[in-house]
Amino acid sequence: MPLKYEDSDLHDLMTEEKSRGTRAPQKAISIKQKRELTNIGRMILNRNCTKREYLQAIRDYGPQDGSPEFQRFVSLWDDYRGQT
């Protein structure tokens, strides 16, 4: 039965430690980035999420306004939810 961790950072660290010695060890940073990207993707599907909240989450994730990566995130929103 998998353990439930209250703190996501603790969970990431435990996952990283468990994967040591394997061919492709997982890093806590990559686990955190994957979680953030998943949350951003879920925001597109959430009808209660506004475009303003979505854009703020993208900025918190890292890409600067106007960068190609930022524009890809915006185009994902526009393709799925329409330009509003």
N, C-alpha and C. Protein backbone atom coordinates (compact mmCIF):
# COMPACT_ATOMS: atom_id res chain seq x y z
N MET A 1 0.85 -1.17 0.00
CA MET A 1 0.00 0.00 0.00
C MET A 1 0.89 1.24 0.00
N PRO A 2 0.72 2.14 -0.96
CA PRO A 2 1.59 3.31 -1.03
C PRO A 2 1.33 4.26 0.14
N LEU A 3 2.39 4.90 0.56
CA LEU A 3 2.28 5.86 1.65
C LEU A 3 1.73 7.16 1.12
N LYS A 4 0.96 7.86 1.95
CA LYS A 4 0.43 9.17 1.60
C LYS A 4 1.26 10.21 2.31
N TYR A 5 1.82 11.14 1.56
CA TYR A 5 2.65 12.19 2.14
C TYR A 5 1.87 13.48 2.17
N GLU A 6 1.93 14.18 3.27
CA GLU A 6 1.25 15.46 3.40
C GLU A 6 1.98 16.53 2.61
N ASP A 7 3.28 16.49 2.60
CA ASP A 7 4.09 17.51 1.97
C ASP A 7 4.60 16.99 0.63
N SER A 8 4.30 17.73 -0.46
CA SER A 8 4.72 17.25 -1.77
C SER A 8 6.24 17.26 -1.91
N ASP A 9 6.93 18.18 -1.23
CA ASP A 9 8.39 18.20 -1.30
C ASP A 9 8.98 16.95 -0.65
N LEU A 10 8.39 16.52 0.43
CA LEU A 10 8.83 15.29 1.09
C LEU A 10 8.59 14.10 0.16
N HIS A 11 7.45 14.08 -0.48
CA HIS A 11 7.14 13.00 -1.41
C HIS A 11 8.15 12.97 -2.56
N ASP A 12 8.49 14.15 -3.11
CA ASP A 12 9.46 14.22 -4.20
C ASP A 12 10.82 13.72 -3.75
N LEU A 13 11.23 14.09 -2.56
CA LEU A 13 12.52 13.65 -2.03
C LEU A 13 12.54 12.14 -1.83
N MET A 14 11.45 11.60 -1.30
CA MET A 14 11.38 10.15 -1.09
C MET A 14 11.42 9.42 -2.43
N THR A 15 10.75 9.94 -3.44
CA THR A 15 10.77 9.32 -4.76
C THR A 15 12.17 9.35 -5.35
N GLU A 16 12.85 10.49 -5.18
CA GLU A 16 14.22 10.61 -5.68
C GLU A 16 15.13 9.61 -4.99
N GLU A 17 15.01 9.48 -3.68
CA GLU A 17 15.86 8.56 -2.93
C GLU A 17 15.58 7.10 -3.32
N LYS A 18 14.33 6.76 -3.57
CA LYS A 18 13.98 5.39 -3.95
C LYS A 18 14.53 5.03 -5.32
N SER A 19 14.72 6.03 -6.19
CA SER A 19 15.16 5.73 -7.55
C SER A 19 16.68 5.77 -7.70
N ARG A 20 17.41 6.04 -6.62
CA ARG A 20 18.87 6.06 -6.72
C ARG A 20 19.38 4.69 -7.10
N GLY A 21 20.38 4.68 -7.96
CA GLY A 21 20.98 3.43 -8.38
C GLY A 21 20.29 2.80 -9.58
N THR A 22 19.21 3.40 -10.02
CA THR A 22 18.56 2.87 -11.20
C THR A 22 19.16 3.51 -12.44
N ARG A 23 18.83 2.97 -13.58
CA ARG A 23 19.40 3.47 -14.83
C ARG A 23 19.01 4.92 -15.10
N ALA A 24 17.79 5.30 -14.80
CA ALA A 24 17.32 6.67 -15.02
C ALA A 24 16.69 7.20 -13.73
N PRO A 25 17.51 7.64 -12.79
CA PRO A 25 16.95 8.09 -11.51
C PRO A 25 16.09 9.34 -11.69
N GLN A 26 15.06 9.43 -10.87
CA GLN A 26 14.19 10.60 -10.91
C GLN A 26 14.76 11.67 -9.99
N LYS A 27 14.66 12.89 -10.42
CA LYS A 27 15.12 14.02 -9.61
C LYS A 27 13.93 14.76 -9.06
N ALA A 28 14.06 15.28 -7.84
CA ALA A 28 12.96 15.99 -7.19
C ALA A 28 12.52 17.18 -8.01
N ILE A 29 13.45 17.85 -8.67
CA ILE A 29 13.10 19.03 -9.46
C ILE A 29 12.25 18.63 -10.65
N SER A 30 12.62 17.54 -11.33
CA SER A 30 11.84 17.12 -12.49
C SER A 30 10.45 16.64 -12.07
N ILE A 31 10.34 16.04 -10.92
CA ILE A 31 9.05 15.60 -10.41
C ILE A 31 8.16 16.81 -10.13
N LYS A 32 8.75 17.84 -9.53
CA LYS A 32 8.00 19.05 -9.23
C LYS A 32 7.55 19.75 -10.51
N GLN A 33 8.43 19.81 -11.51
CA GLN A 33 8.06 20.44 -12.79
C GLN A 33 6.93 19.67 -13.47
N LYS A 34 7.00 18.35 -13.42
CA LYS A 34 5.95 17.54 -14.02
C LYS A 34 4.61 17.80 -13.32
N ARG A 35 4.63 17.91 -12.01
CA ARG A 35 3.42 18.19 -11.25
C ARG A 35 2.86 19.56 -11.63
N GLU A 36 3.73 20.57 -11.76
CA GLU A 36 3.26 21.91 -12.13
C GLU A 36 2.66 21.91 -13.53
N LEU A 37 3.28 21.21 -14.47
CA LEU A 37 2.74 21.13 -15.82
C LEU A 37 1.38 20.42 -15.84
N THR A 38 1.25 19.39 -15.03
CA THR A 38 -0.03 18.69 -14.94
C THR A 38 -1.11 19.62 -14.41
N ASN A 39 -0.76 20.40 -13.39
CA ASN A 39 -1.74 21.34 -12.84
C ASN A 39 -2.13 22.41 -13.86
N ILE A 40 -1.16 22.88 -14.64
CA ILE A 40 -1.47 23.87 -15.69
C ILE A 40 -2.40 23.24 -16.73
N GLY A 41 -2.14 22.01 -17.09
CA GLY A 41 -3.01 21.32 -18.04
C GLY A 41 -4.42 21.14 -17.51
N ARG A 42 -4.53 20.86 -16.23
CA ARG A 42 -5.86 20.70 -15.62
C ARG A 42 -6.62 22.02 -15.59
N MET A 43 -5.89 23.12 -15.51
CA MET A 43 -6.55 24.42 -15.49
C MET A 43 -7.30 24.67 -16.80
N ILE A 44 -6.77 24.19 -17.91
CA ILE A 44 -7.46 24.35 -19.19
C ILE A 44 -8.79 23.63 -19.17
N LEU A 45 -8.82 22.46 -18.55
CA LEU A 45 -10.04 21.65 -18.51
C LEU A 45 -11.05 22.16 -17.48
N ASN A 46 -10.60 22.90 -16.50
CA ASN A 46 -11.47 23.40 -15.43
C ASN A 46 -12.25 24.61 -15.93
N ARG A 47 -13.54 24.48 -16.06
CA ARG A 47 -14.39 25.57 -16.57
C ARG A 47 -14.46 26.75 -15.60
N ASN A 48 -14.14 26.55 -14.34
CA ASN A 48 -14.16 27.64 -13.36
C ASN A 48 -12.87 28.46 -13.38
N CYS A 49 -11.88 28.01 -14.10
CA CYS A 49 -10.59 28.70 -14.17
C CYS A 49 -10.67 29.79 -15.24
N THR A 50 -10.22 30.99 -14.87
CA THR A 50 -10.21 32.08 -15.84
C THR A 50 -8.87 32.12 -16.56
N LYS A 51 -8.86 32.81 -17.68
CA LYS A 51 -7.63 32.93 -18.44
C LYS A 51 -6.58 33.69 -17.63
N ARG A 52 -7.01 34.66 -16.83
CA ARG A 52 -6.09 35.42 -15.98
C ARG A 52 -5.39 34.49 -14.98
N GLU A 53 -6.13 33.59 -14.35
CA GLU A 53 -5.53 32.63 -13.41
C GLU A 53 -4.57 31.70 -14.13
N TYR A 54 -4.97 31.27 -15.31
CA TYR A 54 -4.13 30.37 -16.12
C TYR A 54 -2.81 31.05 -16.48
N LEU A 55 -2.89 32.28 -16.95
CA LEU A 55 -1.67 33.01 -17.33
C LEU A 55 -0.76 33.24 -16.13
N GLN A 56 -1.35 33.51 -14.96
CA GLN A 56 -0.54 33.71 -13.76
C GLN A 56 0.17 32.41 -13.38
N ALA A 57 -0.51 31.28 -13.52
CA ALA A 57 0.12 29.99 -13.22
C ALA A 57 1.29 29.73 -14.17
N ILE A 58 1.13 30.12 -15.43
CA ILE A 58 2.22 29.95 -16.40
C ILE A 58 3.41 30.82 -16.00
N ARG A 59 3.13 32.07 -15.62
CA ARG A 59 4.22 32.97 -15.21
C ARG A 59 4.93 32.43 -13.97
N ASP A 60 4.16 31.87 -13.03
CA ASP A 60 4.76 31.28 -11.83
C ASP A 60 5.62 30.08 -12.18
N TYR A 61 5.24 29.35 -13.24
CA TYR A 61 6.00 28.18 -13.66
C TYR A 61 7.36 28.59 -14.22
N GLY A 62 7.42 29.74 -14.92
CA GLY A 62 8.74 30.17 -15.36
C GLY A 62 8.88 30.93 -16.65
N PRO A 63 8.18 30.56 -17.74
CA PRO A 63 8.47 31.24 -18.99
C PRO A 63 8.06 32.72 -18.95
N GLN A 64 8.85 33.55 -19.59
CA GLN A 64 8.58 34.98 -19.63
C GLN A 64 7.51 35.29 -20.67
N ASP A 65 6.77 36.36 -20.44
CA ASP A 65 5.77 36.80 -21.41
C ASP A 65 6.44 37.03 -22.76
N GLY A 66 5.82 36.54 -23.81
CA GLY A 66 6.36 36.74 -25.15
C GLY A 66 7.34 35.67 -25.59
N SER A 67 7.79 34.81 -24.69
CA SER A 67 8.71 33.76 -25.09
C SER A 67 7.96 32.69 -25.89
N PRO A 68 8.66 31.92 -26.71
CA PRO A 68 7.98 30.88 -27.49
C PRO A 68 7.23 29.87 -26.61
N GLU A 69 7.82 29.51 -25.47
CA GLU A 69 7.16 28.56 -24.58
C GLU A 69 5.87 29.15 -24.02
N PHE A 70 5.92 30.43 -23.62
CA PHE A 70 4.73 31.11 -23.11
C PHE A 70 3.65 31.17 -24.18
N GLN A 71 4.04 31.47 -25.41
CA GLN A 71 3.08 31.54 -26.51
C GLN A 71 2.45 30.17 -26.79
N ARG A 72 3.20 29.09 -26.61
CA ARG A 72 2.63 27.74 -26.78
C ARG A 72 1.56 27.47 -25.74
N PHE A 73 1.82 27.88 -24.49
CA PHE A 73 0.81 27.71 -23.44
C PHE A 73 -0.45 28.51 -23.75
N VAL A 74 -0.27 29.74 -24.22
CA VAL A 74 -1.42 30.59 -24.55
C VAL A 74 -2.20 29.98 -25.71
N SER A 75 -1.50 29.47 -26.71
CA SER A 75 -2.19 28.88 -27.86
C SER A 75 -2.96 27.61 -27.45
N LEU A 76 -2.45 26.87 -26.46
CA LEU A 76 -3.19 25.71 -25.96
C LEU A 76 -4.52 26.15 -25.36
N TRP A 77 -4.49 27.22 -24.57
CA TRP A 77 -5.73 27.76 -23.98
C TRP A 77 -6.68 28.20 -25.09
N ASP A 78 -6.15 28.97 -26.04
CA ASP A 78 -6.99 29.51 -27.10
C ASP A 78 -7.59 28.40 -27.97
N ASP A 79 -6.82 27.36 -28.24
CA ASP A 79 -7.32 26.25 -29.05
C ASP A 79 -8.44 25.49 -28.35
N TYR A 80 -8.28 25.32 -27.05
CA TYR A 80 -9.27 24.52 -26.30
C TYR A 80 -10.46 25.34 -25.84
N ARG A 81 -10.17 26.54 -25.32
CA ARG A 81 -11.23 27.35 -24.71
C ARG A 81 -11.69 28.51 -25.56
N GLY A 82 -10.95 28.81 -26.60
CA GLY A 82 -11.30 29.96 -27.44
C GLY A 82 -10.64 31.22 -26.91
N GLN A 83 -10.53 32.21 -27.76
CA GLN A 83 -9.89 33.46 -27.36
C GLN A 83 -10.93 34.34 -26.68
N THR A 84 -10.69 34.60 -25.39
CA THR A 84 -11.60 35.46 -24.63
C THR A 84 -10.82 36.46 -23.84
